[in-house]
Amino acid sequence: MQLIGVVGCGLMGSGIAEVAAKAGLDVIVRDINEQAVDAGRARIGKSLNRAVERGKLTAERRDAVLSSLRFTTDISELADRDLVIEAASENEEIKKSVFADLDAVVTKPDAVLASNTSSMPIVRFAKATSRPERVVGMHFFNPAPVQPLVEIVSSVLTAPDVVDAVRSLAEDVLGKVTISAQDRPGFIVNALLVPYLLSAIRMYESGAASLEDIDAGMVNGCAHPMGPMRLNDLVGLDTTLAIAKSVHAETGDPAYAPPVLLSRMVDAGFHGKKAGRGFYNDYS
């Protein structure tokens, strides 16, 4: 797998594209309009510049990475890709539409179509294509250039060789740590993490504790690198809400029922760090 496509160049898509380009792969990033493309290109450039400033990347290497990235609004430019990773909005209908479009344009019969979804059923995306055995989950974590983990999620239709291929790419080429997850709501990490994040929101919503004390308690009492309220902001409140709704709708488990406060904050546009405001508002 040398020719990589990424659909969506928001926070996750741009991060995944950066990781692939740093690994020396040929990467095309597609988004819906020029504004989104320009924002993604700027986001990657900013991330690479930070790496140069911190001494983690040379200026020459930065320039080489940027030169291996191409951006487009035309999904047909992904026709020759070996692997396309969907990183569109966490909306099932949007994602299914993307997979149907990719199925129509990606020409290689052995190409793999992957989703970066945080919690949605991979099998539903697979069924939107004529090659369900070539569809798999590759769930990167935010920020993708920093976080080492990728969850490899196989549906009941995914071929074993596809799982092996994406695991090999993630580990041997991208330098990631992989874990294998079944196609169950929340997979592994979010099945454990999201109830914790929602519980912290409920505690704050009820007035039982302040933001600062909730976070300080988990950092200093449980040795977590970041408290749950700050982590909610980093993940993105809209993302936390989307995962919670998806898992709750499928399982009915009350642990995933979205708190009203979370819904109202997302309604207000307070999506966390990426929006400049979430539970905290100290993001520049």
C-alpha atoms as a PDB file:
ATOM      1  CA  MET A   1       0.000   0.000   0.000  1.00  0.00           C
ATOM      2  CA  GLN A   2       1.815   3.066  -1.299  1.00  0.00           C
ATOM      3  CA  LEU A   3      -1.015   5.132  -2.741  1.00  0.00           C
ATOM      4  CA  ILE A   4      -3.261   6.440   0.034  1.00  0.00           C
ATOM      5  CA  GLY A   5      -6.445   8.481  -0.100  1.00  0.00           C
ATOM      6  CA  VAL A   6      -8.074  10.316   2.787  1.00  0.00           C
ATOM      7  CA  VAL A   7     -11.653  11.571   2.544  1.00  0.00           C
ATOM      8  CA  GLY A   8     -12.161  14.556   4.820  1.00  0.00           C
ATOM      9  CA  CYS A   9      -9.434  16.938   5.952  1.00  0.00           C
ATOM     10  CA  GLY A  10     -10.895  18.114   9.217  1.00  0.00           C
ATOM     11  CA  LEU A  11      -9.116  17.497  12.500  1.00  0.00           C
ATOM     12  CA  MET A  12      -8.831  13.722  12.091  1.00  0.00           C
ATOM     13  CA  GLY A  13      -8.476  13.542   8.318  1.00  0.00           C
ATOM     14  CA  SER A  14      -5.667  16.075   8.204  1.00  0.00           C
ATOM     15  CA  GLY A  15      -3.891  14.261  11.031  1.00  0.00           C
ATOM     16  CA  ILE A  16      -4.159  10.902   9.275  1.00  0.00           C
ATOM     17  CA  ALA A  17      -2.927  12.447   6.023  1.00  0.00           C
ATOM     18  CA  GLU A  18       0.045  13.954   7.847  1.00  0.00           C
ATOM     19  CA  VAL A  19       0.940  10.602   9.412  1.00  0.00           C
ATOM     20  CA  ALA A  20       0.797   8.841   6.034  1.00  0.00           C
ATOM     21  CA  ALA A  21       2.825  11.532   4.282  1.00  0.00           C
ATOM     22  CA  LYS A  22       5.480  11.474   7.020  1.00  0.00           C
ATOM     23  CA  ALA A  23       5.795   7.730   6.401  1.00  0.00           C
ATOM     24  CA  GLY A  24       6.744   8.453   2.797  1.00  0.00           C
ATOM     25  CA  LEU A  25       3.450   7.439   1.200  1.00  0.00           C
ATOM     26  CA  ASP A  26       1.792   9.179  -1.733  1.00  0.00           C
ATOM     27  CA  VAL A  27      -1.288  10.859  -0.264  1.00  0.00           C
ATOM     28  CA  ILE A  28      -4.327  12.526  -1.838  1.00  0.00           C
ATOM     29  CA  VAL A  29      -6.759  14.287   0.500  1.00  0.00           C
ATOM     30  CA  ARG A  30     -10.277  15.015  -0.678  1.00  0.00           C
ATOM     31  CA  ASP A  31     -12.861  17.308   0.885  1.00  0.00           C
ATOM     32  CA  ILE A  32     -16.159  18.758  -0.290  1.00  0.00           C
ATOM     33  CA  ASN A  33     -15.088  22.302  -1.227  1.00  0.00           C
ATOM     34  CA  GLU A  34     -12.083  24.552  -1.605  1.00  0.00           C
ATOM     35  CA  GLN A  35     -12.660  26.210   1.767  1.00  0.00           C
ATOM     36  CA  ALA A  36     -12.437  22.861   3.553  1.00  0.00           C
ATOM     37  CA  VAL A  37      -9.387  21.881   1.485  1.00  0.00           C
ATOM     38  CA  ASP A  38      -7.598  25.138   2.280  1.00  0.00           C
ATOM     39  CA  ALA A  39      -8.356  24.728   5.991  1.00  0.00           C
ATOM     40  CA  GLY A  40      -6.973  21.185   5.956  1.00  0.00           C
ATOM     41  CA  ARG A  41      -3.832  22.205   4.101  1.00  0.00           C
ATOM     42  CA  ALA A  42      -3.248  25.027   6.597  1.00  0.00           C
ATOM     43  CA  ARG A  43      -3.843  22.682   9.543  1.00  0.00           C
ATOM     44  CA  ILE A  44      -1.229  20.226   8.294  1.00  0.00           C
ATOM     45  CA  GLY A  45       1.236  23.028   7.560  1.00  0.00           C
ATOM     46  CA  LYS A  46       0.804  24.417  11.059  1.00  0.00           C
ATOM     47  CA  SER A  47       1.328  20.998  12.616  1.00  0.00           C
ATOM     48  CA  LEU A  48       4.489  20.386  10.603  1.00  0.00           C
ATOM     49  CA  ASN A  49       5.840  23.838  11.440  1.00  0.00           C
ATOM     50  CA  ARG A  50       5.341  23.111  15.144  1.00  0.00           C
ATOM     51  CA  ALA A  51       7.311  19.888  14.709  1.00  0.00           C
ATOM     52  CA  VAL A  52      10.151  21.858  13.109  1.00  0.00           C
ATOM     53  CA  GLU A  53      10.114  24.438  15.918  1.00  0.00           C
ATOM     54  CA  ARG A  54      10.343  21.653  18.492  1.00  0.00           C
ATOM     55  CA  GLY A  55      13.247  19.987  16.724  1.00  0.00           C
ATOM     56  CA  LYS A  56      11.261  16.872  15.834  1.00  0.00           C
ATOM     57  CA  LEU A  57      11.408  17.495  12.098  1.00  0.00           C
ATOM     58  CA  THR A  58      13.867  19.270   9.822  1.00  0.00           C
ATOM     59  CA  ALA A  59      12.704  22.019   7.511  1.00  0.00           C
ATOM     60  CA  GLU A  60      13.791  19.889   4.563  1.00  0.00           C
ATOM     61  CA  ARG A  61      11.735  16.938   5.781  1.00  0.00           C
ATOM     62  CA  ARG A  62       8.741  19.216   6.325  1.00  0.00           C
ATOM     63  CA  ASP A  63       8.972  20.397   2.745  1.00  0.00           C
ATOM     64  CA  ALA A  64       9.239  16.813   1.494  1.00  0.00           C
ATOM     65  CA  VAL A  65       6.152  15.803   3.468  1.00  0.00           C
ATOM     66  CA  LEU A  66       4.179  18.720   2.087  1.00  0.00           C
ATOM     67  CA  SER A  67       5.257  17.869  -1.455  1.00  0.00           C
ATOM     68  CA  SER A  68       3.915  14.313  -1.087  1.00  0.00           C
ATOM     69  CA  LEU A  69       0.434  15.627  -0.235  1.00  0.00           C
ATOM     70  CA  ARG A  70      -2.127  16.550  -2.848  1.00  0.00           C
ATOM     71  CA  PHE A  71      -5.536  18.046  -2.199  1.00  0.00           C
ATOM     72  CA  THR A  72      -8.701  17.862  -4.265  1.00  0.00           C
ATOM     73  CA  THR A  73     -12.461  18.310  -4.223  1.00  0.00           C
ATOM     74  CA  ASP A  74     -12.911  15.615  -6.895  1.00  0.00           C
ATOM     75  CA  ILE A  75     -13.411  12.153  -5.425  1.00  0.00           C
ATOM     76  CA  SER A  76     -12.602  10.532  -8.783  1.00  0.00           C
ATOM     77  CA  GLU A  77      -8.944  11.486  -8.233  1.00  0.00           C
ATOM     78  CA  LEU A  78      -8.837   8.661  -5.689  1.00  0.00           C
ATOM     79  CA  ALA A  79      -9.379   6.084  -8.445  1.00  0.00           C
ATOM     80  CA  ASP A  80      -5.849   4.622  -8.327  1.00  0.00           C
ATOM     81  CA  ARG A  81      -5.496   4.401  -4.543  1.00  0.00           C
ATOM     82  CA  ASP A  82      -4.481   1.196  -2.733  1.00  0.00           C
ATOM     83  CA  LEU A  83      -6.187   2.332   0.469  1.00  0.00           C
ATOM     84  CA  VAL A  84      -8.737   5.065   1.100  1.00  0.00           C
ATOM     85  CA  ILE A  85      -9.482   6.101   4.679  1.00  0.00           C
ATOM     86  CA  GLU A  86     -12.823   7.816   5.246  1.00  0.00           C
ATOM     87  CA  ALA A  87     -12.636  10.544   7.896  1.00  0.00           C
ATOM     88  CA  ALA A  88     -15.871  12.390   7.168  1.00  0.00           C
ATOM     89  CA  SER A  89     -18.273  13.796   9.765  1.00  0.00           C
ATOM     90  CA  GLU A  90     -19.471  11.312  12.377  1.00  0.00           C
ATOM     91  CA  ASN A  91     -22.806  10.876  10.632  1.00  0.00           C
ATOM     92  CA  GLU A  92     -23.844   7.446   9.407  1.00  0.00           C
ATOM     93  CA  GLU A  93     -25.677   8.583   6.289  1.00  0.00           C
ATOM     94  CA  ILE A  94     -22.799  10.817   5.205  1.00  0.00           C
ATOM     95  CA  LYS A  95     -20.325   7.999   5.712  1.00  0.00           C
ATOM     96  CA  LYS A  96     -22.440   5.468   3.816  1.00  0.00           C
ATOM     97  CA  SER A  97     -22.694   7.928   0.938  1.00  0.00           C
ATOM     98  CA  VAL A  98     -18.904   8.331   0.912  1.00  0.00           C
ATOM     99  CA  PHE A  99     -18.416   4.565   0.759  1.00  0.00           C
ATOM    100  CA  ALA A 100     -20.882   4.227  -2.096  1.00  0.00           C
ATOM    101  CA  ASP A 101     -19.026   6.964  -3.994  1.00  0.00           C
ATOM    102  CA  LEU A 102     -15.643   5.353  -3.314  1.00  0.00           C
ATOM    103  CA  ASP A 103     -16.948   1.993  -4.487  1.00  0.00           C
ATOM    104  CA  ALA A 104     -17.881   3.616  -7.778  1.00  0.00           C
ATOM    105  CA  VAL A 105     -14.567   5.387  -8.400  1.00  0.00           C
ATOM    106  CA  VAL A 106     -11.761   3.285  -6.842  1.00  0.00           C
ATOM    107  CA  THR A 107     -10.690   0.989  -9.645  1.00  0.00           C
ATOM    108  CA  LYS A 108      -8.257  -1.488  -8.105  1.00  0.00           C
ATOM    109  CA  PRO A 109     -10.109  -4.707  -7.240  1.00  0.00           C
ATOM    110  CA  ASP A 110      -7.853  -5.341  -4.236  1.00  0.00           C
ATOM    111  CA  ALA A 111      -8.073  -1.778  -2.880  1.00  0.00           C
ATOM    112  CA  VAL A 112      -9.132  -1.416   0.740  1.00  0.00           C
ATOM    113  CA  LEU A 113     -11.760   1.055   1.938  1.00  0.00           C
ATOM    114  CA  ALA A 114     -11.415   1.958   5.617  1.00  0.00           C
ATOM    115  CA  SER A 115     -13.385   4.089   8.048  1.00  0.00           C
ATOM    116  CA  ASN A 116     -12.022   6.167  10.901  1.00  0.00           C
ATOM    117  CA  THR A 117     -15.404   6.116  12.658  1.00  0.00           C
ATOM    118  CA  SER A 118     -15.251   6.252  16.450  1.00  0.00           C
ATOM    119  CA  SER A 119     -18.162   3.910  17.065  1.00  0.00           C
ATOM    120  CA  MET A 120     -20.436   3.279  14.078  1.00  0.00           C
ATOM    121  CA  PRO A 121     -20.962  -0.223  12.640  1.00  0.00           C
ATOM    122  CA  ILE A 122     -18.436  -1.014   9.940  1.00  0.00           C
ATOM    123  CA  VAL A 123     -20.760  -3.570   8.385  1.00  0.00           C
ATOM    124  CA  ARG A 124     -23.227  -0.842   7.420  1.00  0.00           C
ATOM    125  CA  PHE A 125     -20.546   0.963   5.446  1.00  0.00           C
ATOM    126  CA  ALA A 126     -19.453  -2.331   3.895  1.00  0.00           C
ATOM    127  CA  LYS A 127     -22.997  -3.016   2.686  1.00  0.00           C
ATOM    128  CA  ALA A 128     -23.005   0.345   0.880  1.00  0.00           C
ATOM    129  CA  THR A 129     -20.366  -1.108  -1.464  1.00  0.00           C
ATOM    130  CA  SER A 130     -20.066  -3.994  -3.905  1.00  0.00           C
ATOM    131  CA  ARG A 131     -16.916  -5.189  -2.090  1.00  0.00           C
ATOM    132  CA  PRO A 132     -17.906  -5.568   1.576  1.00  0.00           C
ATOM    133  CA  GLU A 133     -15.026  -7.954   2.231  1.00  0.00           C
ATOM    134  CA  ARG A 134     -12.588  -5.102   1.430  1.00  0.00           C
ATOM    135  CA  VAL A 135     -14.060  -2.705   4.031  1.00  0.00           C
ATOM    136  CA  VAL A 136     -12.496  -2.347   7.489  1.00  0.00           C
ATOM    137  CA  GLY A 137     -12.257   0.069  10.396  1.00  0.00           C
ATOM    138  CA  MET A 138      -9.036   1.997  11.074  1.00  0.00           C
ATOM    139  CA  HIS A 139      -9.784   4.162  14.085  1.00  0.00           C
ATOM    140  CA  PHE A 140      -6.982   6.662  14.727  1.00  0.00           C
ATOM    141  CA  PHE A 141      -6.975   8.802  17.864  1.00  0.00           C
ATOM    142  CA  ASN A 142      -6.704  12.564  18.222  1.00  0.00           C
ATOM    143  CA  PRO A 143      -4.207  14.018  17.523  1.00  0.00           C
ATOM    144  CA  ALA A 144      -3.290  11.350  14.984  1.00  0.00           C
ATOM    145  CA  PRO A 145       0.344  12.504  14.539  1.00  0.00           C
ATOM    146  CA  VAL A 146       0.906  12.087  18.298  1.00  0.00           C
ATOM    147  CA  GLN A 147      -1.367   9.318  19.573  1.00  0.00           C
ATOM    148  CA  PRO A 148       0.161   5.892  18.884  1.00  0.00           C
ATOM    149  CA  LEU A 149      -3.010   3.789  18.797  1.00  0.00           C
ATOM    150  CA  VAL A 150      -5.061   2.532  15.859  1.00  0.00           C
ATOM    151  CA  GLU A 151      -8.032   0.246  16.462  1.00  0.00           C
ATOM    152  CA  ILE A 152      -8.408  -2.268  13.618  1.00  0.00           C
ATOM    153  CA  VAL A 153     -12.096  -3.138  13.390  1.00  0.00           C
ATOM    154  CA  SER A 154     -13.275  -6.059  11.277  1.00  0.00           C
ATOM    155  CA  SER A 155     -16.923  -6.613  10.451  1.00  0.00           C
ATOM    156  CA  VAL A 156     -18.395 -10.073   9.946  1.00  0.00           C
ATOM    157  CA  LEU A 157     -17.819  -9.488   6.221  1.00  0.00           C
ATOM    158  CA  THR A 158     -14.181  -8.284   6.316  1.00  0.00           C
ATOM    159  CA  ALA A 159     -11.665 -10.649   4.714  1.00  0.00           C
ATOM    160  CA  PRO A 160      -8.776 -11.751   6.984  1.00  0.00           C
ATOM    161  CA  ASP A 161      -6.162 -10.608   4.458  1.00  0.00           C
ATOM    162  CA  VAL A 162      -7.598  -7.072   4.602  1.00  0.00           C
ATOM    163  CA  VAL A 163      -7.191  -7.025   8.380  1.00  0.00           C
ATOM    164  CA  ASP A 164      -3.625  -8.279   8.033  1.00  0.00           C
ATOM    165  CA  ALA A 165      -2.812  -5.689   5.370  1.00  0.00           C
ATOM    166  CA  VAL A 166      -4.039  -2.659   7.309  1.00  0.00           C
ATOM    167  CA  ARG A 167      -2.427  -3.885  10.516  1.00  0.00           C
ATOM    168  CA  SER A 168       0.891  -4.292   8.719  1.00  0.00           C
ATOM    169  CA  LEU A 169       0.578  -0.804   7.243  1.00  0.00           C
ATOM    170  CA  ALA A 170      -0.313   0.772  10.586  1.00  0.00           C
ATOM    171  CA  GLU A 171       2.478  -0.959  12.506  1.00  0.00           C
ATOM    172  CA  ASP A 172       5.318  -1.363  10.023  1.00  0.00           C
ATOM    173  CA  VAL A 173       4.877   1.770   7.904  1.00  0.00           C
ATOM    174  CA  LEU A 174       3.026   4.294  10.058  1.00  0.00           C
ATOM    175  CA  GLY A 175       4.726   3.226  13.292  1.00  0.00           C
ATOM    176  CA  LYS A 176       1.479   2.829  15.214  1.00  0.00           C
ATOM    177  CA  VAL A 177       0.381   0.413  17.931  1.00  0.00           C
ATOM    178  CA  THR A 178      -2.673  -1.590  16.858  1.00  0.00           C
ATOM    179  CA  ILE A 179      -5.374  -3.460  18.724  1.00  0.00           C
ATOM    180  CA  SER A 180      -8.052  -5.688  17.193  1.00  0.00           C
ATOM    181  CA  ALA A 181     -11.673  -4.835  17.884  1.00  0.00           C
ATOM    182  CA  GLN A 182     -14.940  -6.502  16.984  1.00  0.00           C
ATOM    183  CA  ASP A 183     -17.582  -4.502  15.153  1.00  0.00           C
ATOM    184  CA  ARG A 184     -19.443  -3.682  18.360  1.00  0.00           C
ATOM    185  CA  PRO A 185     -20.708  -0.288  19.561  1.00  0.00           C
ATOM    186  CA  GLY A 186     -17.759   1.842  20.692  1.00  0.00           C
ATOM    187  CA  PHE A 187     -15.263  -0.881  19.740  1.00  0.00           C
ATOM    188  CA  ILE A 188     -12.778  -1.135  22.667  1.00  0.00           C
ATOM    189  CA  VAL A 189     -11.563   2.300  23.694  1.00  0.00           C
ATOM    190  CA  ASN A 190     -14.762   4.313  23.380  1.00  0.00           C
ATOM    191  CA  ALA A 191     -16.848   1.522  24.882  1.00  0.00           C
ATOM    192  CA  LEU A 192     -14.806   2.101  28.056  1.00  0.00           C
ATOM    193  CA  LEU A 193     -14.007   5.807  27.729  1.00  0.00           C
ATOM    194  CA  VAL A 194     -17.318   7.416  26.788  1.00  0.00           C
ATOM    195  CA  PRO A 195     -19.310   6.351  29.891  1.00  0.00           C
ATOM    196  CA  TYR A 196     -16.487   7.833  31.986  1.00  0.00           C
ATOM    197  CA  LEU A 197     -16.583  11.117  30.064  1.00  0.00           C
ATOM    198  CA  LEU A 198     -20.368  11.311  30.289  1.00  0.00           C
ATOM    199  CA  SER A 199     -20.304  10.518  34.007  1.00  0.00           C
ATOM    200  CA  ALA A 200     -17.915  13.432  34.573  1.00  0.00           C
ATOM    201  CA  ILE A 201     -20.262  15.748  32.672  1.00  0.00           C
ATOM    202  CA  ARG A 202     -23.215  14.594  34.782  1.00  0.00           C
ATOM    203  CA  MET A 203     -21.220  15.229  37.949  1.00  0.00           C
ATOM    204  CA  TYR A 204     -20.444  18.765  36.818  1.00  0.00           C
ATOM    205  CA  GLU A 205     -23.996  19.318  35.545  1.00  0.00           C
ATOM    206  CA  SER A 206     -25.442  18.338  38.933  1.00  0.00           C
ATOM    207  CA  GLY A 207     -23.188  20.796  40.768  1.00  0.00           C
ATOM    208  CA  ALA A 208     -21.460  18.030  42.700  1.00  0.00           C
ATOM    209  CA  ALA A 209     -17.989  19.286  41.754  1.00  0.00           C
ATOM    210  CA  SER A 210     -16.263  21.976  39.729  1.00  0.00           C
ATOM    211  CA  LEU A 211     -14.520  21.405  36.399  1.00  0.00           C
ATOM    212  CA  GLU A 212     -11.169  21.984  38.003  1.00  0.00           C
ATOM    213  CA  ASP A 213     -11.759  19.611  40.907  1.00  0.00           C
ATOM    214  CA  ILE A 214     -13.069  16.822  38.690  1.00  0.00           C
ATOM    215  CA  ASP A 215      -9.995  17.068  36.494  1.00  0.00           C
ATOM    216  CA  ALA A 216      -7.549  17.518  39.376  1.00  0.00           C
ATOM    217  CA  GLY A 217      -9.030  14.482  41.099  1.00  0.00           C
ATOM    218  CA  MET A 218      -8.441  12.174  38.153  1.00  0.00           C
ATOM    219  CA  VAL A 219      -4.997  13.597  37.319  1.00  0.00           C
ATOM    220  CA  ASN A 220      -3.663  13.521  40.874  1.00  0.00           C
ATOM    221  CA  GLY A 221      -5.673  10.628  42.283  1.00  0.00           C
ATOM    222  CA  CYS A 222      -5.595   8.210  39.356  1.00  0.00           C
ATOM    223  CA  ALA A 223      -2.466   9.353  37.514  1.00  0.00           C
ATOM    224  CA  HIS A 224      -4.397  10.202  34.363  1.00  0.00           C
ATOM    225  CA  PRO A 225      -2.452  12.602  32.108  1.00  0.00           C
ATOM    226  CA  MET A 226      -5.589  14.705  31.638  1.00  0.00           C
ATOM    227  CA  GLY A 227      -8.895  15.025  33.473  1.00  0.00           C
ATOM    228  CA  PRO A 228     -12.178  14.001  31.821  1.00  0.00           C
ATOM    229  CA  MET A 229     -13.539  17.522  31.309  1.00  0.00           C
ATOM    230  CA  ARG A 230     -10.384  18.676  29.577  1.00  0.00           C
ATOM    231  CA  LEU A 231     -10.369  15.418  27.622  1.00  0.00           C
ATOM    232  CA  ASN A 232     -13.951  16.045  26.494  1.00  0.00           C
ATOM    233  CA  ASP A 233     -12.767  19.349  25.052  1.00  0.00           C
ATOM    234  CA  LEU A 234      -9.834  17.675  23.299  1.00  0.00           C
ATOM    235  CA  VAL A 235     -11.950  14.884  21.811  1.00  0.00           C
ATOM    236  CA  GLY A 236     -14.568  17.423  20.718  1.00  0.00           C
ATOM    237  CA  LEU A 237     -17.938  17.738  22.420  1.00  0.00           C
ATOM    238  CA  ASP A 238     -19.682  17.115  19.111  1.00  0.00           C
ATOM    239  CA  THR A 239     -17.695  13.900  18.702  1.00  0.00           C
ATOM    240  CA  THR A 240     -18.442  12.735  22.239  1.00  0.00           C
ATOM    241  CA  LEU A 241     -22.135  13.448  21.638  1.00  0.00           C
ATOM    242  CA  ALA A 242     -22.166  11.605  18.308  1.00  0.00           C
ATOM    243  CA  ILE A 243     -20.530   8.523  19.839  1.00  0.00           C
ATOM    244  CA  ALA A 244     -22.873   8.585  22.819  1.00  0.00           C
ATOM    245  CA  LYS A 245     -25.953   8.835  20.593  1.00  0.00           C
ATOM    246  CA  SER A 246     -24.740   6.055  18.296  1.00  0.00           C
ATOM    247  CA  VAL A 247     -24.003   3.572  21.065  1.00  0.00           C
ATOM    248  CA  HIS A 248     -27.088   4.484  23.107  1.00  0.00           C
ATOM    249  CA  ALA A 249     -29.349   4.072  20.070  1.00  0.00           C
ATOM    250  CA  GLU A 250     -28.009   0.598  19.393  1.00  0.00           C
ATOM    251  CA  THR A 251     -27.685  -0.737  22.926  1.00  0.00           C
ATOM    252  CA  GLY A 252     -30.093   1.285  25.062  1.00  0.00           C
ATOM    253  CA  ASP A 253     -27.425   1.313  27.777  1.00  0.00           C
ATOM    254  CA  PRO A 254     -28.167   4.316  30.050  1.00  0.00           C
ATOM    255  CA  ALA A 255     -24.439   4.809  30.641  1.00  0.00           C
ATOM    256  CA  TYR A 256     -24.301   6.234  27.092  1.00  0.00           C
ATOM    257  CA  ALA A 257     -27.344   8.512  27.390  1.00  0.00           C
ATOM    258  CA  PRO A 258     -26.093  12.018  26.476  1.00  0.00           C
ATOM    259  CA  PRO A 259     -26.383  14.539  29.324  1.00  0.00           C
ATOM    260  CA  VAL A 260     -28.591  17.518  28.488  1.00  0.00           C
ATOM    261  CA  LEU A 261     -25.708  19.919  29.166  1.00  0.00           C
ATOM    262  CA  LEU A 262     -23.577  18.212  26.522  1.00  0.00           C
ATOM    263  CA  SER A 263     -26.340  18.495  23.934  1.00  0.00           C
ATOM    264  CA  ARG A 264     -26.922  22.170  24.704  1.00  0.00           C
ATOM    265  CA  MET A 265     -23.228  23.019  24.483  1.00  0.00           C
ATOM    266  CA  VAL A 266     -22.995  21.354  21.086  1.00  0.00           C
ATOM    267  CA  ASP A 267     -26.127  23.238  20.003  1.00  0.00           C
ATOM    268  CA  ALA A 268     -24.358  26.461  21.022  1.00  0.00           C
ATOM    269  CA  GLY A 269     -21.287  25.615  18.951  1.00  0.00           C
ATOM    270  CA  PHE A 270     -19.068  24.985  21.992  1.00  0.00           C
ATOM    271  CA  HIS A 271     -17.341  21.974  20.470  1.00  0.00           C
ATOM    272  CA  GLY A 272     -14.199  22.078  22.576  1.00  0.00           C
ATOM    273  CA  LYS A 273     -10.608  22.963  21.820  1.00  0.00           C
ATOM    274  CA  LYS A 274     -11.031  22.936  18.033  1.00  0.00           C
ATOM    275  CA  ALA A 275     -13.786  25.565  18.340  1.00  0.00           C
ATOM    276  CA  GLY A 276     -11.925  27.658  20.905  1.00  0.00           C
ATOM    277  CA  ARG A 277     -14.461  26.936  23.622  1.00  0.00           C
ATOM    278  CA  GLY A 278     -15.875  23.920  25.395  1.00  0.00           C
ATOM    279  CA  PHE A 279     -16.087  23.284  29.108  1.00  0.00           C
ATOM    280  CA  TYR A 280     -12.993  25.446  29.274  1.00  0.00           C
ATOM    281  CA  ASN A 281     -12.578  28.650  27.278  1.00  0.00           C
ATOM    282  CA  ASP A 282      -8.811  29.162  27.553  1.00  0.00           C
ATOM    283  CA  TYR A 283      -8.005  27.956  24.017  1.00  0.00           C
ATOM    284  CA  SER A 284      -6.269  30.444  21.752  1.00  0.00           C
END
